[in-house]
Protein backbone atom coordinates (compact mmCIF):
# COMPACT_ATOMS: atom_id res chain seq x y z
CA MET A 1 -8.91 92.25 165.38
CA ASP A 2 -9.01 96.08 165.33
CA ALA A 3 -6.38 98.01 163.40
CA LEU A 4 -4.50 99.17 166.50
CA ALA A 5 -4.36 95.69 168.05
CA ASP A 6 -3.03 94.28 164.79
CA LEU A 7 -0.49 97.09 164.53
CA LEU A 8 0.78 96.44 168.05
CA ASP A 9 1.15 92.71 167.51
CA GLY A 10 4.68 93.32 166.23
CA PRO A 11 6.93 94.50 169.09
CA ARG A 12 9.10 91.67 170.39
CA ALA A 13 12.28 92.86 172.07
CA ARG A 14 14.98 90.20 172.29
CA GLY A 15 17.83 90.94 174.65
CA ALA A 16 17.05 94.65 174.34
CA PHE A 17 19.56 97.25 175.47
CA LEU A 18 18.19 98.69 178.70
CA LEU A 19 19.71 100.89 181.41
CA ARG A 20 19.26 103.84 183.74
CA ALA A 21 21.47 106.78 182.72
CA VAL A 22 22.51 109.00 185.65
CA MET A 23 23.83 112.32 184.36
CA ALA A 24 25.39 115.42 185.97
CA SER A 25 25.33 118.75 184.10
CA PRO A 26 26.72 119.68 181.71
CA TRP A 27 26.11 116.59 179.61
CA GLY A 28 25.17 115.54 176.10
CA LEU A 29 24.78 112.13 174.43
CA ARG A 30 25.00 111.82 170.66
CA ILE A 31 23.04 108.72 169.58
CA GLU A 32 24.44 107.11 166.43
CA ASP A 33 23.59 103.46 167.10
CA ASP A 34 21.44 102.85 163.97
CA ALA A 35 18.69 101.37 166.17
CA PRO A 36 15.16 101.50 164.68
CA LEU A 37 13.49 102.63 167.90
CA THR A 38 14.49 103.90 171.34
CA LEU A 39 12.41 104.77 174.38
CA VAL A 40 13.59 107.46 176.80
CA ALA A 41 11.64 108.04 180.03
CA VAL A 42 12.57 110.81 182.47
CA LEU A 43 12.67 109.39 185.99
CA ARG A 44 14.21 112.48 187.58
CA GLY A 45 15.43 115.89 186.47
CA ALA A 46 14.99 116.98 182.85
CA THR A 47 16.46 116.53 179.40
CA VAL A 48 16.11 117.89 175.88
CA HIS A 49 15.83 115.84 172.72
CA VAL A 50 17.67 117.53 169.86
CA PRO A 51 17.00 116.00 166.43
CA ASP A 52 19.24 116.85 163.49
CA GLU A 53 16.14 118.27 161.78
CA GLY A 54 13.40 120.01 163.72
CA PRO A 55 13.16 121.94 167.00
CA PRO A 56 14.43 120.67 170.37
CA VAL A 57 11.88 119.00 172.65
CA MET A 58 12.11 119.44 176.42
CA LEU A 59 11.21 116.47 178.63
CA ALA A 60 10.32 116.72 182.31
CA PRO A 61 9.86 114.06 185.02
CA GLY A 62 7.19 111.56 183.97
CA ASP A 63 7.55 112.38 180.27
CA VAL A 64 8.51 109.71 177.76
CA ALA A 65 9.75 109.87 174.16
CA LEU A 66 9.78 107.23 171.44
CA VAL A 67 12.53 108.19 168.98
CA LYS A 68 12.65 106.49 165.60
CA GLY A 69 16.01 105.76 163.99
CA PRO A 70 18.30 105.22 162.31
CA ALA A 71 18.88 108.97 161.88
CA PRO A 72 21.19 110.24 164.69
CA TYR A 73 20.02 112.62 167.41
CA THR A 74 21.14 114.07 170.74
CA PHE A 75 19.91 114.09 174.32
CA GLY A 76 21.40 116.52 176.81
CA ASP A 77 20.84 119.02 179.59
CA ASP A 78 20.65 121.96 177.18
CA PRO A 79 20.41 122.30 173.38
CA ALA A 80 23.64 124.32 173.42
CA THR A 81 25.68 121.66 175.26
CA GLU A 82 28.10 119.85 172.98
CA PRO A 83 27.81 116.05 173.23
CA ARG A 84 30.47 114.58 175.52
CA VAL A 85 29.73 110.97 174.53
CA ARG A 86 28.80 109.31 171.23
CA ILE A 87 26.82 106.05 171.36
CA LEU A 88 27.70 103.92 168.33
CA PRO A 89 26.28 100.63 166.99
CA ASP A 90 26.40 97.74 169.47
CA GLN A 91 26.16 100.41 172.21
CA VAL A 92 29.87 101.24 172.07
CA CYS A 93 30.42 104.58 173.83
CA VAL A 94 33.27 106.91 172.91
CA ASP A 95 34.38 110.40 173.93
CA PRO A 96 35.01 113.24 171.41
CA ASP A 97 38.51 111.82 170.82
CA GLY A 98 37.16 108.37 169.97
CA GLN A 99 38.29 106.74 173.23
CA ILE A 100 35.97 104.06 174.61
CA VAL A 101 34.41 105.18 177.90
CA ASP A 102 32.06 102.28 178.67
CA GLN A 103 33.83 101.10 181.81
CA ALA A 104 34.67 104.57 183.09
CA MET A 105 30.95 105.45 183.19
CA ASP A 106 29.74 102.16 184.66
CA LEU A 107 27.72 102.79 187.84
CA GLY A 108 26.56 99.25 188.58
CA VAL A 109 23.78 96.92 187.42
CA ARG A 110 22.24 98.58 184.34
CA ARG A 111 23.26 102.02 185.64
CA TRP A 112 25.60 104.21 183.67
CA GLY A 113 26.51 107.88 183.43
CA ASN A 114 28.90 110.72 184.23
CA ALA A 115 27.63 111.37 187.77
CA ALA A 116 30.59 110.63 190.03
CA ASP A 117 28.31 110.54 193.08
CA GLY A 118 25.91 108.12 191.36
CA ILE A 119 23.06 110.59 191.81
CA GLY A 120 23.50 113.45 189.34
CA ASP A 121 20.88 115.97 188.21
CA THR A 122 18.95 113.72 185.83
CA GLU A 123 18.07 110.05 185.60
CA LEU A 124 16.72 108.52 182.42
CA LEU A 125 15.37 105.06 181.66
CA ILE A 126 16.55 104.10 178.17
CA GLY A 127 15.39 101.07 176.19
CA THR A 128 16.46 100.22 172.65
CA TRP A 129 15.10 97.68 170.19
CA HIS A 130 18.07 96.34 168.20
CA GLY A 131 16.61 95.37 164.84
CA GLU A 132 13.67 96.30 162.67
CA SER A 133 12.29 92.77 162.94
CA GLU A 134 11.84 93.33 166.69
CA VAL A 135 9.44 96.21 166.12
CA SER A 136 7.75 95.52 162.75
CA ARG A 137 7.70 97.69 159.67
CA PRO A 138 4.00 98.66 159.95
CA LEU A 139 4.52 100.19 163.38
CA LEU A 140 7.70 101.97 162.33
CA ALA A 141 5.94 103.29 159.24
CA ALA A 142 3.08 104.66 161.35
CA LEU A 143 5.30 106.40 163.90
CA PRO A 144 6.65 109.93 163.35
CA ALA A 145 10.30 110.71 164.07
CA CYS A 146 9.48 111.28 167.76
CA VAL A 147 6.38 110.58 169.86
CA VAL A 148 6.23 112.40 173.20
CA ARG A 149 3.75 111.65 175.96
CA ARG A 150 3.68 114.02 178.89
CA HIS A 151 3.18 113.16 182.54
CA GLY A 152 -0.55 112.76 183.05
CA GLN A 153 -1.28 112.00 179.38
CA TRP A 154 -0.80 108.27 179.82
CA ASP A 155 -0.53 105.54 182.43
CA ALA A 156 3.16 105.39 183.36
CA THR A 157 2.76 102.41 185.73
CA MET A 158 4.78 100.15 183.45
CA VAL A 159 7.70 102.61 183.41
CA ASP A 160 7.93 102.46 187.20
CA LEU A 161 7.87 98.66 187.12
CA LEU A 162 10.45 98.49 184.34
CA ALA A 163 12.73 100.94 186.16
CA ALA A 164 12.54 98.81 189.33
CA GLU A 165 13.27 95.61 187.40
CA THR A 166 16.44 97.05 185.83
CA THR A 167 18.17 96.85 189.21
CA ARG A 168 17.51 93.12 189.59
CA GLU A 169 19.56 90.15 188.38
CA ASP A 170 17.15 87.28 188.95
CA PRO A 171 16.91 84.15 186.76
CA GLY A 172 15.22 84.97 183.47
CA GLN A 173 15.68 88.70 184.03
CA ALA A 174 16.43 89.48 180.37
CA ALA A 175 13.12 87.97 179.29
CA VAL A 176 11.24 89.91 181.97
CA LEU A 177 12.84 93.19 180.87
CA ASP A 178 12.11 92.51 177.19
CA ARG A 179 8.43 91.88 177.85
CA LEU A 180 8.08 94.92 180.10
CA LEU A 181 9.79 97.12 177.51
CA ASP A 182 7.34 95.89 174.87
CA LEU A 183 4.43 96.66 177.21
CA VAL A 184 5.69 100.21 177.77
CA LEU A 185 5.88 100.68 174.00
CA VAL A 186 2.34 99.39 173.55
CA SER A 187 1.10 101.67 176.33
CA VAL A 188 2.75 104.75 174.81
CA VAL A 189 1.44 104.01 171.30
CA ARG A 190 -2.09 103.36 172.58
CA SER A 191 -2.09 106.70 174.36
CA TRP A 192 -0.77 108.47 171.27
CA VAL A 193 -3.38 106.91 168.99
CA ALA A 194 -6.16 107.73 171.48
CA ASP A 195 -5.35 111.42 170.99
CA ASP A 196 -5.18 111.04 167.20
CA PRO A 197 -7.34 108.13 165.92
CA SER A 198 -6.54 109.09 162.32
CA VAL A 199 -3.13 107.45 162.82
CA THR A 200 -4.56 103.99 162.10
CA ARG A 201 -6.76 104.97 159.15
CA GLY A 202 -4.07 105.06 156.50
CA ILE A 203 -2.13 101.98 157.55
CA ALA A 204 -2.30 98.53 156.02
CA HIS A 205 -4.09 96.99 159.00
CA ALA A 206 -7.09 99.27 158.48
CA ASP A 207 -7.39 98.50 154.76
CA PRO A 208 -10.33 96.10 154.12
CA VAL A 209 -8.31 93.86 151.78
CA ILE A 210 -4.77 94.04 153.15
CA GLY A 211 -5.96 94.18 156.75
CA ARG A 212 -7.77 90.90 156.17
CA ALA A 213 -4.64 89.42 154.59
CA LEU A 214 -2.52 90.41 157.56
CA ARG A 215 -5.02 88.86 159.96
CA LEU A 216 -4.92 85.62 157.96
CA LEU A 217 -1.11 85.56 157.94
CA HIS A 218 -0.87 86.36 161.64
CA GLY A 219 -3.60 83.92 162.64
CA HIS A 220 -2.56 81.02 160.41
CA PRO A 221 1.17 81.19 159.64
CA GLU A 222 1.25 77.40 159.35
CA TYR A 223 -1.00 77.42 156.26
CA PRO A 224 0.85 76.94 152.91
CA TRP A 225 -0.01 80.41 151.63
CA THR A 226 0.79 81.47 148.10
CA LEU A 227 0.14 84.83 146.54
CA VAL A 228 -2.76 83.31 144.58
CA SER A 229 -4.41 81.65 147.60
CA LEU A 230 -4.00 84.77 149.72
CA ALA A 231 -5.47 87.02 147.06
CA ARG A 232 -8.39 84.61 146.58
CA ALA A 233 -9.05 84.53 150.34
CA CYS A 234 -9.25 88.33 150.27
CA ASP A 235 -11.56 88.44 147.22
CA SER A 236 -8.97 90.17 145.08
CA SER A 237 -7.12 89.48 141.86
CA ARG A 238 -3.51 88.38 142.15
CA ALA A 239 -2.06 91.44 140.42
CA VAL A 240 -4.14 93.99 142.30
CA PHE A 241 -3.53 92.27 145.63
CA ALA A 242 0.24 92.04 145.09
CA ARG A 243 0.55 95.71 144.20
CA ARG A 244 -1.74 96.85 147.02
CA PHE A 245 0.06 94.76 149.65
CA THR A 246 3.48 96.07 148.66
CA ASP A 247 2.26 99.68 148.51
CA LEU A 248 0.67 99.57 151.98
CA VAL A 249 3.01 97.23 153.87
CA GLY A 250 6.28 98.16 152.20
CA GLU A 251 7.28 94.67 151.08
CA PRO A 252 5.78 91.79 149.06
CA ALA A 253 3.26 89.53 150.78
CA ILE A 254 5.39 86.38 150.70
CA GLY A 255 8.42 88.28 151.99
CA TYR A 256 6.31 89.62 154.85
CA LEU A 257 5.02 86.10 155.60
CA THR A 258 8.56 84.72 155.70
CA ARG A 259 9.70 87.42 158.10
CA TRP A 260 6.62 86.86 160.30
CA ARG A 261 7.17 83.10 160.43
CA LEU A 262 10.82 83.54 161.40
CA ALA A 263 9.89 86.05 164.12
CA LEU A 264 7.44 83.51 165.55
CA ALA A 265 10.09 80.80 165.33
CA ALA A 266 12.48 83.00 167.32
CA ASP A 267 9.81 83.51 169.99
CA LEU A 268 9.20 79.75 170.24
CA LEU A 269 12.92 79.03 170.53
CA VAL A 270 13.22 81.47 173.43
CA GLY A 271 9.86 80.92 175.14
CA THR A 272 9.41 77.15 174.82
CA GLU A 273 11.37 73.91 174.81
CA TYR A 274 9.91 72.81 171.48
CA GLY A 275 12.20 70.97 169.09
CA LEU A 276 12.62 72.18 165.53
CA VAL A 277 10.08 69.68 164.15
CA GLN A 278 7.30 71.18 166.24
CA ILE A 279 8.42 74.76 165.66
CA ALA A 280 8.59 74.16 161.90
CA SER A 281 5.06 72.78 161.96
CA GLU A 282 3.77 75.71 164.01
CA VAL A 283 5.19 78.36 161.67
CA GLY A 284 4.60 76.73 158.28
CA TYR A 285 7.88 75.09 157.29
CA GLY A 286 7.80 71.62 155.80
CA SER A 287 10.87 70.35 157.65
CA PRO A 288 13.22 71.40 160.45
CA PHE A 289 16.02 71.62 157.89
CA ALA A 290 14.11 74.12 155.77
CA LEU A 291 13.36 76.18 158.88
CA SER A 292 16.97 76.05 160.06
CA ALA A 293 18.29 77.23 156.68
CA ALA A 294 15.79 80.10 156.44
CA PHE A 295 16.30 81.08 160.09
CA THR A 296 20.09 81.18 159.69
CA ARG A 297 19.87 83.34 156.56
CA HIS A 298 17.52 85.80 158.27
CA HIS A 299 18.94 86.00 161.80
CA GLY A 300 22.60 85.32 161.03
CA VAL A 301 22.78 82.44 163.53
CA SER A 302 21.32 78.95 163.61
CA PRO A 303 18.24 78.18 165.73
CA ARG A 304 20.46 76.31 168.19
CA GLN A 305 22.84 79.26 168.54
CA TYR A 306 19.91 81.67 168.89
CA ARG A 307 18.40 79.58 171.70
CA ARG A 308 21.78 79.28 173.43
CA ARG A 309 22.41 83.04 173.28
CA ALA A 310 18.96 83.76 174.70
CA GLY A 311 19.69 81.37 177.55
CA ARG A 312 22.95 83.12 178.36
CA ALA A 313 21.28 86.53 178.23
CA SER A 314 18.76 85.49 180.86
CA HIS A 315 21.58 85.03 183.43
CA ALA A 316 19.82 81.90 184.67
CA PRO A 317 21.88 79.84 187.14
CA ALA A 318 23.00 76.38 186.14
CA ARG A 319 20.35 73.77 186.77
CA ALA A 320 19.24 70.37 185.53
CA SER A 321 17.60 70.58 182.12
CA SER A 322 16.89 68.49 179.07
CA PRO A 323 19.86 68.07 176.74
CA GLU A 324 20.23 70.60 173.95
CA VAL A 325 18.48 69.56 170.77
CA PRO A 326 20.69 70.02 167.72
CA ASP A 327 19.35 71.76 164.62
CA GLY A 328 17.11 69.43 162.66
CA ASP A 329 16.60 66.96 165.53
CA ASP A 330 13.14 65.40 165.38
CA ARG A 331 12.51 65.28 169.11
CA GLN A 332 9.79 67.54 170.48
CA GLY A 333 11.37 68.64 173.70
CA ALA A 334 14.02 70.32 174.28
CA GLY A 335 26.59 98.04 176.00
CA CYS A 336 27.23 101.03 177.59
CA GLY A 337 27.39 100.30 181.28
């Protein structure tokens, strides 16, 4: 697997925040939501990205920006316009006096803004990944504070498709939007790296030792890896491997493996009807109880609750289905605006 493909194996939005913001001048949005990554695509009109440090960046129709958090920043019609709305964690929107304005700015299905006529001067497509585990540390480490791709620099087909899908409320819509948002991210990053191939040279995935380790962990998460066995598989001593992995990846190898396994488990809970026995086997846990305990510590909810929440988020209509499998069961089936 090449370094870029390995790097882009991480993005997995889960119930991502996604909407079309319809704004009438003057307007300004102060983003303080602590999100690790946000995508802003200009569908119509223009906007300016104003970071707390660095110069403003103008965006025109067809342009897209990937903005890395959690540092706050502003989008508006002009750098001099004072923000009229602050977007806080959990996508709570307040005015300068701290009053919640979510409902007052609701314009319909995934449409939100201050344009009373529902048209406004500018329309933005905004997608936000909630947690770092949805994006992956290697990708976040490789990205600068803001990546901008101009109209004509990249294939914006996916943006058009994602924008169209935001207006729909079909069964499974949340899953469709998550996958499309991930594809837009991949498309933007590929275009960015194509203009600057040096981006992938200094990252862990391009390192001959750690890159091999990451490919082993990604390809065989079910294997009972230890630091010793992983170092041996990469022809390295334990001490050198441990230090090198942490330096390049930003966390110890076994910690990274745990996080990777739990991300895969979350995908299987949402994307399949596997029971915990099968999921535990697929991702390298010796029992469904061990998986459930680790999953709950990491995600803050049990596997059963995670699966149930994902089902609610999809807005799927009620229909006949297999009964819910409780945690540890050994059966195999089973914002603003």
